[in-house]
C-alpha atoms as a PDB file:
ATOM      1  CA  MET A   1     102.680 -44.320 131.368  1.00  0.00           C
ATOM      2  CA  ILE A   2     100.837 -46.836 134.163  1.00  0.00           C
ATOM      3  CA  ARG A   3      98.270 -47.779 131.318  1.00  0.00           C
ATOM      4  CA  GLY A   4     101.019 -49.460 129.405  1.00  0.00           C
ATOM      5  CA  ARG A   5     102.095 -51.081 132.686  1.00  0.00           C
ATOM      6  CA  ARG A   6      98.232 -52.041 132.982  1.00  0.00           C
ATOM      7  CA  PHE A   7      98.229 -53.681 129.874  1.00  0.00           C
ATOM      8  CA  VAL A   8     101.805 -55.377 129.623  1.00  0.00           C
ATOM      9  CA  PHE A   9     100.803 -57.230 133.482  1.00  0.00           C
ATOM     10  CA  SER A  10      97.193 -58.242 131.858  1.00  0.00           C
ATOM     11  CA  LEU A  11      99.008 -59.954 129.093  1.00  0.00           C
ATOM     12  CA  VAL A  12     101.463 -61.679 131.270  1.00  0.00           C
ATOM     13  CA  LEU A  13      98.644 -63.092 133.265  1.00  0.00           C
ATOM     14  CA  ILE A  14      96.837 -63.923 130.785  1.00  0.00           C
ATOM     15  CA  ALA A  15      99.779 -65.782 129.055  1.00  0.00           C
ATOM     16  CA  GLY A  16     100.475 -67.525 132.199  1.00  0.00           C
ATOM     17  CA  GLY A  17      96.281 -69.044 132.440  1.00  0.00           C
ATOM     18  CA  VAL A  18      96.509 -70.118 128.917  1.00  0.00           C
ATOM     19  CA  CYS A  19      99.800 -72.150 129.942  1.00  0.00           C
ATOM     20  CA  LEU A  20      98.481 -73.349 133.143  1.00  0.00           C
ATOM     21  CA  LEU A  21      95.271 -74.020 131.302  1.00  0.00           C
ATOM     22  CA  ALA A  22      97.402 -75.999 127.990  1.00  0.00           C
ATOM     23  CA  LEU A  23      99.440 -77.527 131.620  1.00  0.00           C
ATOM     24  CA  GLY A  24      96.019 -79.069 132.783  1.00  0.00           C
ATOM     25  CA  ALA A  25      94.770 -80.073 130.100  1.00  0.00           C
ATOM     26  CA  ALA A  26      97.865 -82.173 128.561  1.00  0.00           C
ATOM     27  CA  GLN A  27      97.903 -84.083 131.977  1.00  0.00           C
ATOM     28  CA  GLY A  28      94.098 -85.398 131.387  1.00  0.00           C
ATOM     29  CA  GLN A  29      92.929 -82.777 133.940  1.00  0.00           C
ATOM     30  CA  ALA A  30      89.767 -82.126 132.058  1.00  0.00           C
ATOM     31  CA  ALA A  31      88.401 -85.340 131.916  1.00  0.00           C
ATOM     32  CA  GLU A  32      88.665 -85.806 135.939  1.00  0.00           C
ATOM     33  CA  VAL A  33      86.830 -82.049 136.357  1.00  0.00           C
ATOM     34  CA  MET A  34      83.999 -83.709 133.817  1.00  0.00           C
ATOM     35  CA  GLN A  35      84.001 -86.618 136.066  1.00  0.00           C
ATOM     36  CA  LYS A  36      83.542 -84.641 139.317  1.00  0.00           C
ATOM     37  CA  ALA A  37      81.018 -82.351 137.786  1.00  0.00           C
ATOM     38  CA  VAL A  38      78.707 -84.878 136.353  1.00  0.00           C
ATOM     39  CA  ARG A  39      78.962 -86.283 139.919  1.00  0.00           C
ATOM     40  CA  VAL A  40      78.207 -83.050 141.816  1.00  0.00           C
ATOM     41  CA  CYS A  41      75.339 -82.456 139.043  1.00  0.00           C
ATOM     42  CA  LEU A  42      73.732 -85.997 140.026  1.00  0.00           C
ATOM     43  CA  GLU A  43      73.987 -85.700 143.821  1.00  0.00           C
ATOM     44  CA  CYS A  44      71.735 -82.465 142.997  1.00  0.00           C
ATOM     45  CA  ILE A  45      68.746 -83.801 141.719  1.00  0.00           C
ATOM     46  CA  GLY A  46      68.774 -86.688 143.748  1.00  0.00           C
ATOM     47  CA  ILE A  47      70.057 -89.122 141.420  1.00  0.00           C
ATOM     48  CA  GLY A  48      73.632 -89.818 142.478  1.00  0.00           C
END
């Protein structure tokens, strides 16, 4: 019984994560995250 609940709970969390990921991608957040990552990387090696 507990194993079944754990499986359902895992599926709900995965589905929620996929929905939020799709929502962020639809809003163009992926490009903004990439720009921030590039900025941080360039600052770490001393170029930016």
